[in-house]
N, C-alpha and C. Protein backbone atom coordinates (compact mmCIF):
# COMPACT_ATOMS: atom_id res chain seq x y z
N UNK A 1 -72.84 49.48 236.95
CA UNK A 1 -72.32 50.74 235.93
C UNK A 1 -71.06 49.50 235.06
N UNK A 2 -71.01 50.48 234.39
CA UNK A 2 -69.94 49.30 233.18
C UNK A 2 -68.77 50.37 232.72
N UNK A 3 -67.88 49.58 233.06
CA UNK A 3 -66.29 50.76 232.44
C UNK A 3 -65.65 50.09 231.24
N UNK A 4 -65.25 50.94 230.51
CA UNK A 4 -64.15 50.06 229.36
C UNK A 4 -63.06 50.56 229.62
N UNK A 5 -62.18 49.50 229.57
CA UNK A 5 -60.57 49.76 230.02
C UNK A 5 -60.53 49.18 231.22
N UNK A 6 -58.78 48.94 231.97
CA UNK A 6 -58.95 48.45 233.14
C UNK A 6 -57.15 49.32 233.49
N UNK A 7 -57.13 50.53 233.06
CA UNK A 7 -55.81 51.32 233.49
C UNK A 7 -56.11 51.73 234.33
N UNK A 8 -55.11 52.80 234.49
CA UNK A 8 -55.35 54.03 236.17
C UNK A 8 -56.44 54.34 236.22
N UNK A 9 -56.94 54.85 235.20
CA UNK A 9 -58.22 55.93 234.84
C UNK A 9 -59.11 54.55 235.26
N UNK A 10 -59.11 53.46 234.84
CA UNK A 10 -60.73 52.98 234.42
C UNK A 10 -60.68 51.99 236.20
N UNK A 11 -59.42 51.37 237.08
CA UNK A 11 -59.05 51.32 238.10
C UNK A 11 -59.89 52.12 239.30
N UNK A 12 -59.07 53.41 239.19
CA UNK A 12 -59.83 54.41 240.01
C UNK A 12 -61.43 54.56 239.87
N UNK A 13 -61.17 54.46 238.62
CA UNK A 13 -63.11 54.94 238.25
C UNK A 13 -63.59 53.99 239.38
N UNK A 14 -63.48 52.59 238.99
CA UNK A 14 -64.33 51.55 239.43
C UNK A 14 -63.85 51.46 241.23
N UNK A 15 -62.97 51.85 241.83
CA UNK A 15 -62.91 52.09 243.62
C UNK A 15 -63.61 53.23 243.80
N UNK A 16 -63.76 54.10 242.83
CA UNK A 16 -64.66 55.49 243.68
C UNK A 16 -66.32 55.24 243.22
N UNK A 17 -66.46 54.25 241.89
CA UNK A 17 -67.74 54.09 242.14
C UNK A 17 -68.45 52.90 243.29
N UNK A 18 -67.44 52.32 243.15
CA UNK A 18 -67.70 51.20 244.13
C UNK A 18 -68.07 51.98 245.84
N UNK A 19 -66.53 52.58 246.10
CA UNK A 19 -66.69 53.57 247.49
C UNK A 19 -68.03 54.24 247.90
N UNK A 20 -68.79 54.58 246.28
CA UNK A 20 -70.04 55.92 246.35
C UNK A 20 -71.34 54.68 246.66
N UNK A 21 -71.07 53.24 246.12
CA UNK A 21 -72.13 52.47 246.51
C UNK A 21 -72.84 52.07 245.16
N UNK A 22 -71.77 52.22 244.38
CA UNK A 22 -72.31 51.73 243.29
C UNK A 22 -71.57 50.24 242.64
N UNK A 23 -72.25 49.07 241.82
CA UNK A 23 -71.85 48.61 241.39
C UNK A 23 -71.46 48.14 239.77
N UNK A 24 -69.89 47.83 240.20
CA UNK A 24 -69.14 47.89 238.59
C UNK A 24 -69.07 46.84 237.81
N UNK A 25 -70.16 45.96 237.19
CA UNK A 25 -70.30 44.64 236.82
C UNK A 25 -69.91 44.33 235.58
N UNK A 26 -68.65 45.34 235.05
CA UNK A 26 -68.01 44.93 233.36
C UNK A 26 -66.79 45.89 233.54
N UNK A 27 -65.64 45.45 233.25
CA UNK A 27 -64.55 45.99 232.48
C UNK A 27 -63.80 45.29 231.35
N UNK A 28 -63.15 45.96 230.82
CA UNK A 28 -62.14 45.67 229.72
C UNK A 28 -60.75 45.59 229.53
N UNK A 29 -59.88 44.92 228.72
CA UNK A 29 -58.55 45.31 228.07
C UNK A 29 -58.93 45.29 226.60
N UNK A 30 -57.63 45.10 226.54
CA UNK A 30 -57.95 45.26 224.73
C UNK A 30 -58.21 43.86 223.94
N UNK A 31 -58.24 42.95 225.12
CA UNK A 31 -58.06 41.62 224.45
C UNK A 31 -60.05 41.02 224.88
N UNK A 32 -60.97 41.48 225.65
CA UNK A 32 -61.96 41.34 225.82
C UNK A 32 -62.23 42.29 226.99
N UNK A 33 -63.79 41.91 227.84
CA UNK A 33 -63.83 42.36 229.04
C UNK A 33 -64.86 40.97 229.79
N UNK A 34 -64.71 40.99 231.05
CA UNK A 34 -65.59 40.51 231.74
C UNK A 34 -66.55 40.92 232.50
N UNK A 35 -67.49 40.16 233.00
CA UNK A 35 -68.53 40.58 234.30
C UNK A 35 -68.54 39.85 234.98
N UNK A 36 -69.05 40.46 236.22
CA UNK A 36 -69.30 40.02 237.46
C UNK A 36 -70.74 40.74 238.16
N UNK A 37 -72.15 40.07 238.22
CA UNK A 37 -72.97 40.64 238.65
C UNK A 37 -72.78 40.86 239.90
N UNK A 38 -72.21 40.28 240.66
CA UNK A 38 -71.70 40.76 242.00
C UNK A 38 -71.48 41.38 241.99
N UNK A 39 -70.84 42.20 241.33
CA UNK A 39 -69.68 43.47 241.25
C UNK A 39 -68.33 43.26 241.53
N UNK A 40 -67.59 44.05 240.28
CA UNK A 40 -65.88 43.71 240.46
C UNK A 40 -65.60 44.10 241.62
N UNK A 41 -64.42 43.16 241.88
CA UNK A 41 -63.55 43.63 243.33
C UNK A 41 -62.30 44.08 242.50
N UNK A 42 -62.36 45.95 242.98
CA UNK A 42 -61.48 46.88 242.44
C UNK A 42 -60.13 46.46 242.89
N UNK A 43 -59.34 45.92 243.80
CA UNK A 43 -58.69 45.53 244.24
C UNK A 43 -57.83 43.79 243.73
N UNK A 44 -58.64 43.59 243.34
CA UNK A 44 -58.39 42.22 242.55
C UNK A 44 -58.27 43.00 241.28
N UNK A 45 -58.63 43.72 240.64
CA UNK A 45 -58.05 44.57 239.28
C UNK A 45 -56.58 45.18 239.62
N UNK A 46 -56.79 45.76 240.66
CA UNK A 46 -55.44 46.11 241.00
C UNK A 46 -54.39 45.29 240.81
N UNK A 47 -54.55 44.51 241.57
CA UNK A 47 -53.78 42.70 241.66
C UNK A 47 -53.41 42.39 240.34
N UNK A 48 -54.11 42.28 239.35
CA UNK A 48 -53.41 41.99 238.07
C UNK A 48 -53.24 42.71 237.34
N UNK A 49 -53.47 44.05 237.21
CA UNK A 49 -52.79 45.25 236.41
C UNK A 49 -51.73 45.55 237.48
N UNK A 50 -51.91 46.31 238.29
CA UNK A 50 -50.69 47.14 238.59
C UNK A 50 -49.56 45.83 239.05
N UNK A 51 -49.98 44.89 239.70
CA UNK A 51 -48.88 44.04 240.28
C UNK A 51 -48.11 43.11 239.40
N UNK A 52 -49.41 42.39 238.78
CA UNK A 52 -48.89 41.34 237.87
C UNK A 52 -49.20 41.55 236.25
N UNK A 53 -49.23 42.65 236.34
CA UNK A 53 -49.41 43.12 234.81
C UNK A 53 -50.21 42.15 233.51
N UNK A 54 -51.07 41.44 233.82
CA UNK A 54 -51.55 40.29 233.52
C UNK A 54 -52.81 40.57 232.70
N UNK A 55 -53.18 40.28 232.03
CA UNK A 55 -54.71 40.25 230.94
C UNK A 55 -55.82 40.38 231.89
N UNK A 56 -57.12 40.70 231.84
CA UNK A 56 -58.00 40.96 232.67
C UNK A 56 -58.78 39.99 232.50
N UNK A 57 -58.61 38.56 231.95
CA UNK A 57 -59.24 37.32 231.99
C UNK A 57 -58.90 36.95 232.82
N UNK A 58 -57.68 37.39 233.69
CA UNK A 58 -57.12 36.14 234.67
C UNK A 58 -57.65 36.34 236.21
N UNK A 59 -58.74 37.92 236.16
CA UNK A 59 -60.13 37.54 237.17
C UNK A 59 -60.83 36.93 237.46
N UNK A 60 -60.83 35.63 236.47
CA UNK A 60 -61.62 34.28 236.75
C UNK A 60 -61.05 33.75 237.55
N UNK A 61 -59.18 33.75 237.49
CA UNK A 61 -58.61 32.75 238.51
C UNK A 61 -58.91 33.15 240.29
N UNK A 62 -59.50 34.69 240.18
CA UNK A 62 -60.13 35.00 241.54
C UNK A 62 -61.76 34.71 241.84
N UNK A 63 -62.29 35.02 240.95
CA UNK A 63 -63.91 34.60 240.77
C UNK A 63 -64.24 34.25 239.77
N UNK A 64 -64.31 32.79 240.31
CA UNK A 64 -64.49 31.77 239.25
C UNK A 64 -65.94 31.97 238.42
N UNK A 65 -66.85 32.77 239.16
CA UNK A 65 -68.54 32.48 239.00
C UNK A 65 -68.16 34.24 237.69
N UNK A 66 -67.22 34.81 237.88
CA UNK A 66 -67.49 35.62 236.72
C UNK A 66 -67.40 35.13 234.99
N UNK A 67 -67.81 36.13 234.48
CA UNK A 67 -67.71 35.87 233.13
C UNK A 67 -66.60 36.46 231.70
N UNK A 68 -66.18 35.93 231.01
CA UNK A 68 -65.13 36.74 230.43
C UNK A 68 -65.63 36.32 228.91
N UNK A 69 -65.46 37.36 228.13
CA UNK A 69 -65.85 37.77 226.83
C UNK A 69 -64.63 38.54 225.81
N UNK A 70 -64.46 37.59 224.71
CA UNK A 70 -63.31 37.69 223.77
C UNK A 70 -63.92 39.10 222.58
N UNK A 71 -62.97 40.14 222.51
CA UNK A 71 -63.72 41.27 222.08
C UNK A 71 -64.31 41.91 222.93
N UNK A 72 -63.93 43.49 222.69
CA UNK A 72 -64.51 44.62 223.43
C UNK A 72 -65.27 45.63 223.28
N UNK A 73 -65.61 45.38 222.14
CA UNK A 73 -67.48 45.85 221.82
C UNK A 73 -68.22 45.61 222.08
N UNK A 74 -68.36 44.58 222.88
CA UNK A 74 -69.81 43.95 222.99
C UNK A 74 -70.06 44.19 224.78
N UNK A 75 -68.97 45.43 225.36
CA UNK A 75 -69.21 45.18 226.70
C UNK A 75 -70.58 46.59 226.58
N UNK A 76 -70.86 46.66 225.81
CA UNK A 76 -72.08 48.11 225.69
C UNK A 76 -72.87 47.64 225.61
N UNK A 77 -72.95 46.45 225.38
CA UNK A 77 -74.78 45.68 225.58
C UNK A 77 -74.63 44.72 226.86
N UNK A 78 -73.83 45.30 227.68
CA UNK A 78 -74.29 44.63 229.38
C UNK A 78 -75.21 45.67 229.75
N UNK A 79 -76.30 45.16 230.14
CA UNK A 79 -77.36 46.43 231.12
C UNK A 79 -76.90 46.72 232.23
N UNK A 80 -76.89 47.90 232.27
CA UNK A 80 -76.77 48.74 233.20
C UNK A 80 -77.12 50.14 233.11
N UNK A 81 -77.19 51.11 234.69
CA UNK A 81 -77.53 52.42 234.58
C UNK A 81 -76.54 53.44 234.17
N UNK A 82 -74.96 53.34 234.29
CA UNK A 82 -74.44 54.17 234.11
C UNK A 82 -73.18 53.43 233.42
N UNK A 83 -72.77 54.29 232.17
CA UNK A 83 -71.34 53.91 231.68
C UNK A 83 -70.66 55.16 231.75
N UNK A 84 -69.13 54.20 231.58
CA UNK A 84 -67.85 55.29 232.34
C UNK A 84 -66.88 54.53 231.23
N UNK A 85 -66.68 55.28 230.36
CA UNK A 85 -65.78 55.31 228.94
C UNK A 85 -64.67 55.50 229.80
N UNK A 86 -63.76 54.63 229.57
CA UNK A 86 -61.96 55.15 230.67
C UNK A 86 -60.75 54.57 229.44
N UNK A 87 -61.04 54.15 228.36
CA UNK A 87 -60.20 53.31 228.11
C UNK A 87 -59.09 54.41 226.96
N UNK A 88 -60.14 55.04 226.02
CA UNK A 88 -58.96 55.13 225.24
C UNK A 88 -59.47 56.55 224.68
N UNK A 89 -58.81 57.46 223.69
CA UNK A 89 -59.41 58.13 222.74
C UNK A 89 -60.21 57.82 221.38
N UNK A 90 -61.43 57.99 221.17
CA UNK A 90 -62.06 57.55 220.14
C UNK A 90 -62.36 56.16 220.28
N UNK A 91 -62.65 55.25 221.54
CA UNK A 91 -63.21 54.65 222.24
C UNK A 91 -64.35 54.02 221.58
N UNK A 92 -65.38 55.19 221.67
CA UNK A 92 -66.56 54.92 221.61
C UNK A 92 -67.13 55.06 220.08
N UNK A 93 -67.04 54.67 219.21
CA UNK A 93 -67.86 55.21 217.58
C UNK A 93 -69.52 54.90 217.66
N UNK A 94 -69.91 55.18 216.45
CA UNK A 94 -71.19 54.89 216.28
C UNK A 94 -71.93 53.99 216.74
N UNK A 95 -71.31 53.29 216.09
CA UNK A 95 -71.96 51.60 216.45
C UNK A 95 -72.02 51.43 217.70
N UNK A 96 -70.62 51.27 219.01
CA UNK A 96 -70.95 51.25 220.02
C UNK A 96 -72.00 52.42 220.63
N UNK A 97 -71.91 53.17 220.20
CA UNK A 97 -73.04 54.07 220.54
C UNK A 97 -74.56 53.86 220.38
N UNK A 98 -74.65 53.22 219.41
CA UNK A 98 -75.96 52.38 219.18
C UNK A 98 -76.59 51.20 220.23
N UNK A 99 -75.34 50.89 220.93
CA UNK A 99 -75.72 49.49 221.60
C UNK A 99 -76.10 50.46 223.16
N UNK A 100 -75.33 51.28 223.29
CA UNK A 100 -75.17 52.19 224.34
C UNK A 100 -76.67 52.54 224.88
N UNK A 101 -77.05 53.11 223.72
CA UNK A 101 -78.57 53.67 223.57
C UNK A 101 -79.79 52.32 223.82
N UNK A 102 -79.42 51.59 223.12
CA UNK A 102 -80.57 50.64 222.86
C UNK A 102 -80.17 49.38 224.58
N UNK A 103 -79.26 49.82 225.29
CA UNK A 103 -79.39 48.88 226.54
C UNK A 103 -80.07 49.53 227.55
N UNK A 104 -80.19 50.94 227.18
CA UNK A 104 -80.73 51.57 228.34
C UNK A 104 -80.48 52.43 229.36
N UNK A 105 -78.88 53.05 229.34
CA UNK A 105 -78.10 53.66 229.80
C UNK A 105 -78.93 54.73 230.48
N UNK A 106 -78.54 55.10 231.43
CA UNK A 106 -79.34 56.53 232.13
C UNK A 106 -78.22 57.44 232.09
N UNK A 107 -77.12 57.34 232.12
CA UNK A 107 -75.81 58.00 232.74
C UNK A 107 -74.80 57.65 231.76
N UNK A 108 -74.11 58.31 230.56
CA UNK A 108 -72.83 58.16 230.00
C UNK A 108 -71.80 59.18 230.39
N UNK A 109 -70.72 58.78 230.99
CA UNK A 109 -69.81 59.51 232.01
C UNK A 109 -69.00 59.65 231.01
N UNK A 110 -68.14 60.78 230.38
CA UNK A 110 -66.78 60.42 229.14
C UNK A 110 -65.75 60.63 230.35
N UNK A 111 -64.97 59.83 231.08
CA UNK A 111 -63.37 59.57 232.15
C UNK A 111 -62.31 59.68 231.23
N UNK A 112 -62.55 58.79 230.36
CA UNK A 112 -60.83 58.72 229.61
C UNK A 112 -61.34 60.52 228.49
N UNK A 113 -59.70 60.90 228.06
CA UNK A 113 -60.24 61.63 227.26
C UNK A 113 -60.37 61.69 226.09
N UNK A 114 -61.54 62.36 225.81
CA UNK A 114 -62.42 62.41 224.00
C UNK A 114 -62.41 61.35 224.08
N UNK A 115 -62.94 60.30 224.78
CA UNK A 115 -63.50 58.72 224.49
C UNK A 115 -64.75 58.84 223.73
N UNK A 116 -65.34 59.44 222.93
CA UNK A 116 -66.45 59.15 222.34
C UNK A 116 -66.19 60.12 220.62
N UNK A 117 -66.11 59.73 219.55
CA UNK A 117 -66.59 60.17 218.25
C UNK A 117 -67.70 61.47 218.27
N UNK A 118 -67.20 62.35 217.56
CA UNK A 118 -67.99 63.68 217.30
C UNK A 118 -69.21 62.89 216.87
N UNK A 119 -69.33 62.01 216.50
CA UNK A 119 -70.69 61.26 215.42
C UNK A 119 -71.67 60.73 216.57
N UNK A 120 -71.03 60.14 217.34
CA UNK A 120 -71.42 58.80 218.38
C UNK A 120 -71.93 60.16 219.72
N UNK A 121 -70.93 60.97 219.32
CA UNK A 121 -71.51 61.94 220.82
C UNK A 121 -72.29 62.62 220.47
N UNK A 122 -73.12 63.35 219.21
CA UNK A 122 -74.01 63.86 218.98
C UNK A 122 -75.51 62.96 218.88
N UNK A 123 -75.33 61.77 219.04
CA UNK A 123 -76.06 61.01 218.88
C UNK A 123 -76.68 60.40 220.11
N UNK A 124 -75.58 60.58 220.92
CA UNK A 124 -76.03 60.09 222.33
C UNK A 124 -76.26 61.17 223.11
N UNK A 125 -76.47 62.12 223.05
CA UNK A 125 -76.85 63.47 223.22
C UNK A 125 -78.38 63.67 223.01
N UNK A 126 -78.53 63.55 221.78
CA UNK A 126 -80.41 63.26 221.33
C UNK A 126 -81.27 62.33 221.99
N UNK A 127 -80.53 61.23 222.23
CA UNK A 127 -81.09 59.93 223.08
C UNK A 127 -82.32 61.12 224.77
N UNK A 128 -83.20 60.60 224.64
CA UNK A 128 -83.97 61.56 225.71
C UNK A 128 -84.15 61.14 226.85
N UNK A 129 -83.42 59.53 227.25
CA UNK A 129 -83.33 59.12 228.22
C UNK A 129 -81.82 58.70 229.09
N UNK A 130 -81.13 59.65 228.21
CA UNK A 130 -79.79 59.46 228.76
C UNK A 130 -78.91 60.68 228.97
N UNK A 131 -78.13 61.04 230.16
CA UNK A 131 -77.69 62.28 230.41
C UNK A 131 -76.31 62.07 230.19
N UNK A 132 -75.66 62.99 228.88
CA UNK A 132 -73.99 62.46 228.89
C UNK A 132 -73.42 63.90 229.50
N UNK A 133 -72.45 63.40 230.24
CA UNK A 133 -71.21 64.52 230.69
C UNK A 133 -69.77 64.59 229.95
N UNK A 134 -69.49 65.61 229.56
CA UNK A 134 -68.32 65.50 228.34
C UNK A 134 -66.95 65.15 229.37
N UNK A 135 -66.45 65.05 228.49
CA UNK A 135 -64.89 63.91 229.49
C UNK A 135 -63.93 66.28 229.97
N UNK A 136 -63.94 67.26 229.20
CA UNK A 136 -63.56 68.42 229.40
C UNK A 136 -63.99 68.59 230.90
N UNK A 137 -65.05 68.18 231.03
CA UNK A 137 -65.80 68.66 232.37
C UNK A 137 -65.40 67.42 233.56
N UNK A 138 -65.72 66.70 232.93
CA UNK A 138 -65.62 64.77 234.02
C UNK A 138 -64.19 65.41 234.57
N UNK A 139 -62.89 64.91 233.49
CA UNK A 139 -61.54 64.77 233.53
C UNK A 139 -60.88 66.09 234.41
N UNK A 140 -61.56 66.90 234.30
CA UNK A 140 -61.09 68.39 235.11
C UNK A 140 -60.52 67.98 236.59
N UNK A 141 -61.44 66.97 237.14
CA UNK A 141 -60.69 66.66 238.19
C UNK A 141 -59.26 66.34 238.40
N UNK A 142 -58.39 65.73 237.09
CA UNK A 142 -57.29 65.39 237.49
C UNK A 142 -56.46 66.69 237.46
N UNK A 143 -56.98 67.30 237.00
CA UNK A 143 -56.15 68.48 236.35
C UNK A 143 -56.06 69.22 238.12
N UNK A 144 -57.70 69.22 238.42
CA UNK A 144 -58.06 70.10 239.97
C UNK A 144 -56.88 69.56 240.86
N UNK A 145 -56.65 67.78 240.87
CA UNK A 145 -55.78 67.76 242.11
C UNK A 145 -54.23 67.75 241.98
N UNK A 146 -53.90 68.10 240.51
CA UNK A 146 -52.40 68.32 240.49
C UNK A 146 -52.39 69.90 240.70
N UNK A 147 -53.48 70.96 240.61
CA UNK A 147 -53.74 72.22 241.18
C UNK A 147 -53.27 72.21 242.64
N UNK A 148 -54.05 71.14 242.95
CA UNK A 148 -53.99 71.21 244.53
C UNK A 148 -52.78 70.75 245.40
N UNK A 149 -51.92 69.68 244.29
CA UNK A 149 -50.60 69.41 245.07
C UNK A 149 -49.71 70.65 244.66
N UNK A 150 -49.85 71.42 243.85
CA UNK A 150 -48.95 72.50 243.66
C UNK A 150 -49.09 73.42 244.61
N UNK A 151 -50.53 74.06 245.08
CA UNK A 151 -50.77 74.40 246.35
C UNK A 151 -49.93 73.95 247.77
N UNK A 152 -50.27 72.63 247.86
CA UNK A 152 -49.34 72.57 248.54
C UNK A 152 -47.82 72.59 248.80
N UNK A 153 -47.67 72.20 247.63
CA UNK A 153 -46.12 72.53 247.56
C UNK A 153 -45.35 73.50 248.12
N UNK A 154 -46.45 74.75 247.52
CA UNK A 154 -46.24 76.14 247.66
C UNK A 154 -46.25 76.59 248.85
N UNK A 155 -47.36 75.72 249.72
CA UNK A 155 -47.23 76.85 250.90
C UNK A 155 -46.51 75.82 252.04
N UNK A 156 -46.16 75.02 251.45
CA UNK A 156 -45.18 73.46 252.75
C UNK A 156 -46.85 73.03 253.24
N UNK A 157 -47.81 72.67 252.59
CA UNK A 157 -48.68 72.07 253.21
C UNK A 157 -48.58 70.71 253.06
N UNK A 158 -49.91 70.08 254.12
CA UNK A 158 -49.78 68.44 253.80
C UNK A 158 -51.40 68.31 254.31
N UNK A 159 -51.86 67.79 253.13
CA UNK A 159 -53.27 67.06 253.34
C UNK A 159 -53.62 65.83 253.06
N UNK A 160 -54.48 65.49 254.06
CA UNK A 160 -54.78 64.13 254.19
C UNK A 160 -55.68 63.70 252.87
N UNK A 161 -55.94 62.38 252.63
CA UNK A 161 -55.92 62.14 250.87
C UNK A 161 -57.75 62.23 251.16
N UNK A 162 -58.35 62.44 252.43
CA UNK A 162 -59.85 62.63 252.98
C UNK A 162 -59.82 64.07 252.41
N UNK A 163 -58.91 65.20 252.90
CA UNK A 163 -59.29 66.44 252.61
C UNK A 163 -58.90 67.21 251.47
N UNK A 164 -58.11 66.13 250.61
CA UNK A 164 -57.87 66.43 248.79
C UNK A 164 -59.05 65.86 248.37
N UNK A 165 -59.97 64.84 249.21
CA UNK A 165 -61.07 64.49 248.38
C UNK A 165 -62.00 65.20 248.24
N UNK A 166 -62.30 66.11 249.42
CA UNK A 166 -63.29 66.51 249.58
C UNK A 166 -63.19 68.02 249.20
N UNK A 167 -62.12 68.74 249.09
CA UNK A 167 -62.01 69.69 247.88
C UNK A 167 -61.98 69.70 246.43
N UNK A 168 -61.84 68.38 246.20
CA UNK A 168 -62.17 67.61 244.70
C UNK A 168 -63.61 67.86 244.31
N UNK A 169 -64.23 67.59 245.18
CA UNK A 169 -65.97 66.87 245.76
C UNK A 169 -66.01 68.42 245.10
N UNK A 170 -66.00 69.63 246.51
CA UNK A 170 -66.82 70.80 245.97
C UNK A 170 -66.03 71.18 244.52
N UNK A 171 -65.09 71.32 244.16
CA UNK A 171 -64.74 71.61 242.96
C UNK A 171 -65.77 71.25 241.64
N UNK A 172 -65.72 69.82 241.90
CA UNK A 172 -66.77 68.90 240.97
C UNK A 172 -68.17 69.36 240.55
N UNK A 173 -68.57 69.53 241.79
CA UNK A 173 -70.04 70.72 242.01
C UNK A 173 -70.06 72.11 241.51
N UNK A 174 -69.32 72.55 241.42
CA UNK A 174 -69.22 73.94 241.31
C UNK A 174 -69.15 73.28 239.71
N UNK A 175 -68.62 72.66 238.83
CA UNK A 175 -67.98 72.73 237.56
C UNK A 175 -69.43 72.20 236.91
N UNK A 176 -70.22 70.81 238.04
CA UNK A 176 -71.70 70.57 237.45
C UNK A 176 -72.70 71.92 237.16
N UNK A 177 -72.61 72.58 238.64
CA UNK A 177 -73.54 73.97 238.65
C UNK A 177 -73.66 74.57 237.85
N UNK A 178 -72.41 75.09 237.52
CA UNK A 178 -71.99 76.30 236.31
C UNK A 178 -71.81 75.75 234.97
N UNK A 179 -72.07 74.13 234.84
CA UNK A 179 -72.40 73.88 233.59
C UNK A 179 -74.02 74.20 232.90
N UNK A 180 -74.47 73.70 234.02
CA UNK A 180 -76.00 73.87 234.11
C UNK A 180 -76.52 75.00 234.07
N UNK A 181 -76.15 75.76 234.59
CA UNK A 181 -76.60 76.83 235.10
C UNK A 181 -76.68 77.70 233.21
N UNK A 182 -74.87 77.62 232.94
CA UNK A 182 -74.93 78.48 231.58
C UNK A 182 -75.41 77.70 230.57
N UNK A 183 -76.00 76.77 230.34
CA UNK A 183 -76.61 76.06 229.37
C UNK A 183 -78.03 76.43 229.17
N UNK A 184 -78.56 76.92 230.34
CA UNK A 184 -80.29 76.93 230.72
C UNK A 184 -80.18 78.35 230.42
N UNK A 185 -78.89 79.46 230.73
CA UNK A 185 -78.64 81.02 230.55
C UNK A 185 -79.25 81.20 229.04
N UNK A 186 -78.43 80.18 228.83
CA UNK A 186 -78.05 80.62 226.70
C UNK A 186 -79.63 79.83 225.85
N UNK A 187 -80.01 79.38 226.41
CA UNK A 187 -81.68 78.44 226.31
C UNK A 187 -81.38 77.67 225.33
N UNK A 188 -80.10 76.56 226.34
CA UNK A 188 -80.05 75.23 225.53
C UNK A 188 -80.42 74.48 226.12
N UNK A 189 -81.45 74.67 227.43
CA UNK A 189 -81.66 73.15 228.30
C UNK A 189 -80.76 72.83 229.14
N UNK A 190 -80.95 71.60 229.83
CA UNK A 190 -80.43 70.71 230.56
C UNK A 190 -79.24 70.07 229.23
N UNK A 191 -77.87 70.74 229.41
CA UNK A 191 -76.88 70.06 228.00
C UNK A 191 -75.82 70.46 228.89
N UNK A 192 -74.88 69.40 229.51
CA UNK A 192 -73.57 69.51 229.98
C UNK A 192 -72.70 70.11 229.29
N UNK A 193 -73.15 69.08 227.94
CA UNK A 193 -72.13 69.50 226.96
C UNK A 193 -71.39 70.82 226.59
N UNK A 194 -72.73 71.17 226.20
CA UNK A 194 -72.95 72.63 225.71
C UNK A 194 -72.31 73.23 226.78
N UNK A 195 -72.95 73.25 228.06
CA UNK A 195 -72.49 74.16 229.42
C UNK A 195 -71.11 74.12 229.52
N UNK A 196 -70.46 73.13 229.90
CA UNK A 196 -69.22 73.04 230.02
C UNK A 196 -67.85 73.69 228.64
N UNK A 197 -68.68 73.53 227.47
CA UNK A 197 -67.98 73.63 225.97
C UNK A 197 -68.10 75.55 227.16
N UNK A 198 -69.30 76.19 226.84
CA UNK A 198 -69.37 77.72 227.03
C UNK A 198 -68.36 77.90 228.34
N UNK A 199 -68.54 77.34 229.20
CA UNK A 199 -68.01 77.71 230.93
C UNK A 199 -66.52 77.96 230.38
N UNK A 200 -65.90 76.70 230.00
CA UNK A 200 -64.37 76.86 229.18
C UNK A 200 -64.65 77.49 228.86
N UNK A 201 -65.21 77.77 227.61
CA UNK A 201 -64.58 79.08 226.81
C UNK A 201 -64.60 80.42 227.32
N UNK A 202 -65.50 81.00 228.55
CA UNK A 202 -65.64 81.96 229.10
C UNK A 202 -64.54 81.92 230.07
N UNK A 203 -63.83 80.84 230.26
CA UNK A 203 -62.76 81.21 231.40
C UNK A 203 -61.50 81.36 230.64
N UNK A 204 -61.30 81.05 229.30
CA UNK A 204 -60.14 81.32 228.71
C UNK A 204 -60.26 82.87 228.18
N UNK A 205 -61.52 83.25 227.93
CA UNK A 205 -61.76 84.70 227.08
C UNK A 205 -61.42 85.58 228.23
N UNK A 206 -61.92 85.14 229.53
CA UNK A 206 -62.08 86.10 230.62
C UNK A 206 -60.46 86.39 231.22
N UNK A 207 -59.41 85.21 230.92
CA UNK A 207 -58.03 85.66 231.20
C UNK A 207 -57.37 86.20 230.26
N UNK A 208 -57.89 85.82 229.01
CA UNK A 208 -57.12 87.05 227.78
C UNK A 208 -57.60 88.36 228.01
N UNK A 209 -58.49 88.52 228.34
CA UNK A 209 -59.29 90.34 228.58
C UNK A 209 -58.47 90.46 229.80
N UNK A 210 -57.96 89.85 230.83
CA UNK A 210 -57.40 90.39 232.11
C UNK A 210 -55.93 90.69 231.60
N UNK A 211 -55.10 89.61 230.96
CA UNK A 211 -53.42 90.00 230.56
C UNK A 211 -53.53 90.90 229.50
N UNK A 212 -54.73 91.10 228.91
CA UNK A 212 -54.69 91.85 227.30
C UNK A 212 -54.28 91.42 226.37
N UNK A 213 -55.16 91.48 225.46
CA UNK A 213 -55.02 91.26 224.20
C UNK A 213 -54.51 91.50 222.73
N UNK A 214 -53.10 90.86 222.50
CA UNK A 214 -52.40 90.87 221.96
C UNK A 214 -52.70 90.49 220.08
């Protein structure tokens, strides 16, 4: 797994990917990126970014066997199976998209808010060897957890982190299956981007119909 960024989104993406059995081998900040073929330790990233507020290159002070490279764009040349852009909006442009396609990445998952430019996203969707998941579906998890927090507050409940995580997993599975089903229903094949767009539009339209259209 390659993750761009090292802020909250990237750090917790690293943690979750590691907990699910993935190996995160590269992360970045605005100055450059690190590569740790043995798997980046998300606890070290938390120490660097949340406690010491330091640059990501200081990861080498904790793990001397890792490598640091100046500049950010080269991170997408690191061979991996999964790319998680977690840095910022429009982080991945056409130049980066071509590097991603050439590196043989199988799954491109938009974790940040709209991290891919429109032309780059269309280009990545055309890659037959790659599954592309859009940010509006992927980071719906953050909004969903906020909703769960509101539900707890309203009902004066307390759920453990494990309970919240289980509920989130069910929500994300539903979003995925809904996106797949709708895209296939409209003859678009396995297109998560189109499916998520249609499902999102339907939810807004249904809400407008329920409330009355003025």
